[in-house]
C-alpha atoms as a PDB file:
ATOM      1  CA  MET A   1      -0.079   0.133  -0.060  1.00  0.00           C
ATOM      2  CA  THR A   2       1.123   3.566  -0.656  1.00  0.00           C
ATOM      3  CA  THR A   3       0.309   6.839   0.921  1.00  0.00           C
ATOM      4  CA  VAL A   4       0.323  10.450  -0.572  1.00  0.00           C
ATOM      5  CA  ARG A   5       2.061  12.895   1.629  1.00  0.00           C
ATOM      6  CA  GLU A   6       1.158  16.114   0.403  1.00  0.00           C
ATOM      7  CA  ILE A   7       3.633  18.977   0.677  1.00  0.00           C
ATOM      8  CA  ARG A   8       2.247  21.564   3.220  1.00  0.00           C
ATOM      9  CA  GLU A   9       5.394  22.943   4.745  1.00  0.00           C
ATOM     10  CA  ALA A  10       5.378  26.695   5.333  1.00  0.00           C
ATOM     11  CA  GLY A  11       7.461  28.552   2.644  1.00  0.00           C
ATOM     12  CA  GLU A  12       8.600  27.186  -0.585  1.00  0.00           C
ATOM     13  CA  SER A  13       8.058  23.656  -1.495  1.00  0.00           C
ATOM     14  CA  LYS A  14      11.003  21.254  -2.758  1.00  0.00           C
ATOM     15  CA  ALA A  15      11.771  21.431  -6.162  1.00  0.00           C
ATOM     16  CA  ARG A  16      12.819  18.874  -8.826  1.00  0.00           C
ATOM     17  CA  VAL A  17      15.048  19.937 -11.839  1.00  0.00           C
ATOM     18  CA  VAL A  18      14.815  17.522 -14.928  1.00  0.00           C
ATOM     19  CA  PHE A  19      17.541  17.948 -17.580  1.00  0.00           C
ATOM     20  CA  LEU A  20      17.100  15.977 -20.967  1.00  0.00           C
ATOM     21  CA  VAL A  21      20.354  15.901 -22.585  1.00  0.00           C
ATOM     22  CA  ARG A  22      21.900  14.051 -25.850  1.00  0.00           C
ATOM     23  CA  VAL A  23      25.399  12.639 -25.548  1.00  0.00           C
ATOM     24  CA  PRO A  24      27.180  11.182 -28.521  1.00  0.00           C
ATOM     25  CA  GLN A  25      28.062   7.352 -27.779  1.00  0.00           C
ATOM     26  CA  ALA A  26      31.696   8.409 -28.594  1.00  0.00           C
ATOM     27  CA  ARG A  27      31.417  10.785 -25.460  1.00  0.00           C
ATOM     28  CA  THR A  28      29.711   8.376 -23.059  1.00  0.00           C
ATOM     29  CA  ASP A  29      32.816   7.779 -21.095  1.00  0.00           C
ATOM     30  CA  ASP A  30      33.660  11.470 -20.914  1.00  0.00           C
ATOM     31  CA  PHE A  31      30.321  12.375 -19.759  1.00  0.00           C
ATOM     32  CA  LEU A  32      30.177   9.778 -17.040  1.00  0.00           C
ATOM     33  CA  ALA A  33      33.503  10.969 -15.857  1.00  0.00           C
ATOM     34  CA  ALA A  34      32.758  14.427 -15.865  1.00  0.00           C
ATOM     35  CA  TYR A  35      29.414  13.653 -13.814  1.00  0.00           C
ATOM     36  CA  GLU A  36      31.572  11.350 -11.285  1.00  0.00           C
ATOM     37  CA  GLN A  37      33.985  14.519 -10.776  1.00  0.00           C
ATOM     38  CA  ILE A  38      31.150  16.930  -9.815  1.00  0.00           C
ATOM     39  CA  ARG A  39      28.616  14.588  -8.161  1.00  0.00           C
ATOM     40  CA  TYR A  40      30.031  14.650  -4.627  1.00  0.00           C
ATOM     41  CA  GLU A  41      31.185  18.307  -4.745  1.00  0.00           C
ATOM     42  CA  VAL A  42      27.586  19.193  -5.543  1.00  0.00           C
ATOM     43  CA  ALA A  43      26.371  16.788  -3.134  1.00  0.00           C
ATOM     44  CA  ASP A  44      28.395  17.979  -0.109  1.00  0.00           C
ATOM     45  CA  GLY A  45      28.931  21.613  -0.896  1.00  0.00           C
ATOM     46  CA  VAL A  46      25.829  23.098  -2.604  1.00  0.00           C
ATOM     47  CA  PRO A  47      23.271  24.571  -0.402  1.00  0.00           C
ATOM     48  CA  GLY A  48      19.794  23.186  -0.758  1.00  0.00           C
ATOM     49  CA  HIS A  49      20.822  20.289  -2.844  1.00  0.00           C
ATOM     50  CA  LEU A  50      19.329  16.895  -1.904  1.00  0.00           C
ATOM     51  CA  VAL A  51      19.718  14.384  -4.475  1.00  0.00           C
ATOM     52  CA  ASP A  52      20.418  13.747  -8.042  1.00  0.00           C
ATOM     53  CA  GLN A  53      20.425  10.952 -10.515  1.00  0.00           C
ATOM     54  CA  VAL A  54      21.791  10.239 -13.993  1.00  0.00           C
ATOM     55  CA  CYS A  55      19.764   7.931 -16.331  1.00  0.00           C
ATOM     56  CA  GLN A  56      20.264   6.529 -19.649  1.00  0.00           C
ATOM     57  CA  ALA A  57      17.698   5.652 -22.164  1.00  0.00           C
ATOM     58  CA  PRO A  58      17.751   1.888 -22.906  1.00  0.00           C
ATOM     59  CA  GLY A  59      16.318   2.218 -26.097  1.00  0.00           C
ATOM     60  CA  ASP A  60      18.482   5.445 -27.332  1.00  0.00           C
ATOM     61  CA  PRO A  61      21.972   5.313 -25.705  1.00  0.00           C
ATOM     62  CA  GLU A  62      22.482   8.831 -26.490  1.00  0.00           C
ATOM     63  CA  GLN A  63      19.634  10.030 -24.471  1.00  0.00           C
ATOM     64  CA  TRP A  64      20.287  10.899 -20.933  1.00  0.00           C
ATOM     65  CA  LEU A  65      18.175  12.149 -18.052  1.00  0.00           C
ATOM     66  CA  ILE A  66      19.438  14.035 -15.022  1.00  0.00           C
ATOM     67  CA  THR A  67      17.274  14.822 -12.127  1.00  0.00           C
ATOM     68  CA  SER A  68      17.886  16.623  -9.093  1.00  0.00           C
ATOM     69  CA  GLU A  69      16.000  17.365  -5.855  1.00  0.00           C
ATOM     70  CA  TRP A  70      16.273  20.605  -3.967  1.00  0.00           C
ATOM     71  CA  GLU A  71      15.023  22.176  -0.770  1.00  0.00           C
ATOM     72  CA  SER A  72      13.631  24.846  -2.982  1.00  0.00           C
ATOM     73  CA  LEU A  73      13.648  26.279  -6.578  1.00  0.00           C
ATOM     74  CA  ALA A  74      15.440  29.469  -5.099  1.00  0.00           C
ATOM     75  CA  ASP A  75      18.379  27.206  -3.719  1.00  0.00           C
ATOM     76  CA  PHE A  76      18.675  25.685  -7.512  1.00  0.00           C
ATOM     77  CA  GLU A  77      18.463  29.146  -9.080  1.00  0.00           C
ATOM     78  CA  ALA A  78      21.144  30.664  -6.816  1.00  0.00           C
ATOM     79  CA  TRP A  79      23.609  27.718  -7.523  1.00  0.00           C
ATOM     80  CA  GLU A  80      22.986  27.921 -11.281  1.00  0.00           C
ATOM     81  CA  ALA A  81      23.610  31.738 -11.253  1.00  0.00           C
ATOM     82  CA  SER A  82      26.771  31.316  -9.739  1.00  0.00           C
ATOM     83  CA  PRO A  83      30.100  31.551 -11.489  1.00  0.00           C
ATOM     84  CA  ASP A  84      31.156  28.306  -9.465  1.00  0.00           C
ATOM     85  CA  HIS A  85      28.367  26.421 -11.233  1.00  0.00           C
ATOM     86  CA  ARG A  86      29.447  27.418 -14.723  1.00  0.00           C
ATOM     87  CA  VAL A  87      32.972  26.203 -14.019  1.00  0.00           C
ATOM     88  CA  LEU A  88      31.952  22.990 -12.326  1.00  0.00           C
ATOM     89  CA  VAL A  89      29.729  21.868 -15.091  1.00  0.00           C
ATOM     90  CA  ARG A  90      31.764  22.943 -18.053  1.00  0.00           C
ATOM     91  CA  PRO A  91      33.131  19.633 -18.660  1.00  0.00           C
ATOM     92  CA  LEU A  92      29.764  17.877 -18.549  1.00  0.00           C
ATOM     93  CA  ARG A  93      28.398  20.296 -20.952  1.00  0.00           C
ATOM     94  CA  GLU A  94      31.188  19.947 -23.463  1.00  0.00           C
ATOM     95  CA  CYS A  95      30.114  16.313 -23.864  1.00  0.00           C
ATOM     96  CA  MET A  96      26.148  17.431 -24.794  1.00  0.00           C
ATOM     97  CA  THR A  97      24.919  18.045 -28.114  1.00  0.00           C
ATOM     98  CA  GLU A  98      21.571  19.302 -26.785  1.00  0.00           C
ATOM     99  CA  ALA A  99      20.373  20.204 -23.419  1.00  0.00           C
ATOM    100  CA  ARG A 100      16.913  21.023 -22.302  1.00  0.00           C
ATOM    101  CA  SER A 101      16.064  21.697 -18.575  1.00  0.00           C
ATOM    102  CA  LEU A 102      12.633  21.821 -16.887  1.00  0.00           C
ATOM    103  CA  ARG A 103      11.709  22.861 -13.130  1.00  0.00           C
ATOM    104  CA  PHE A 104       8.955  21.866 -10.855  1.00  0.00           C
ATOM    105  CA  ALA A 105       7.811  22.792  -7.384  1.00  0.00           C
ATOM    106  CA  VAL A 106       7.154  19.395  -5.533  1.00  0.00           C
ATOM    107  CA  ARG A 107       3.263  19.335  -4.658  1.00  0.00           C
ATOM    108  CA  ALA A 108       2.924  15.861  -3.569  1.00  0.00           C
ATOM    109  CA  GLN A 109       5.195  12.748  -3.066  1.00  0.00           C
ATOM    110  CA  THR A 110       4.123   9.114  -2.627  1.00  0.00           C
ATOM    111  CA  THR A 111       6.064   6.666  -0.464  1.00  0.00           C
ATOM    112  CA  ARG A 112       5.304   3.372   1.264  1.00  0.00           C
ATOM    113  CA  ARG A 113       3.691   3.287   4.204  1.00  0.00           C
ATOM    114  CA  GLY A 114       6.147   2.987   7.182  1.00  0.00           C
ATOM    115  CA  ALA A 115       8.976   4.549   4.971  1.00  0.00           C
ATOM    116  CA  SER A 116      10.597   7.660   6.179  1.00  0.00           C
ATOM    117  CA  ASP A 117      10.510  10.690   3.953  1.00  0.00           C
END
């Protein structure tokens, strides 16, 4: 059984940022190496960052999805606007032929009963 926990906290809700990117197969190793270099720096040092994932489409190995969850959209936008962000993600972006980002405010989340949020 699952339950839906509505986000009713005071202030701004958590945010989910989704990046749809294309990486040529010849750049896959470079892309993953660049992601590996920055992921812990972001996870351990960027205020408001909660979690991210990098995913590859099984039917199209050049299609990738990066998702990240943030305490608030303002936290993500502050980091994205910083000069540190541009320097840190440059090696990752150099591997991409296309990139599109989408931003969402988390309004509800479903978890298994008894699971911690």
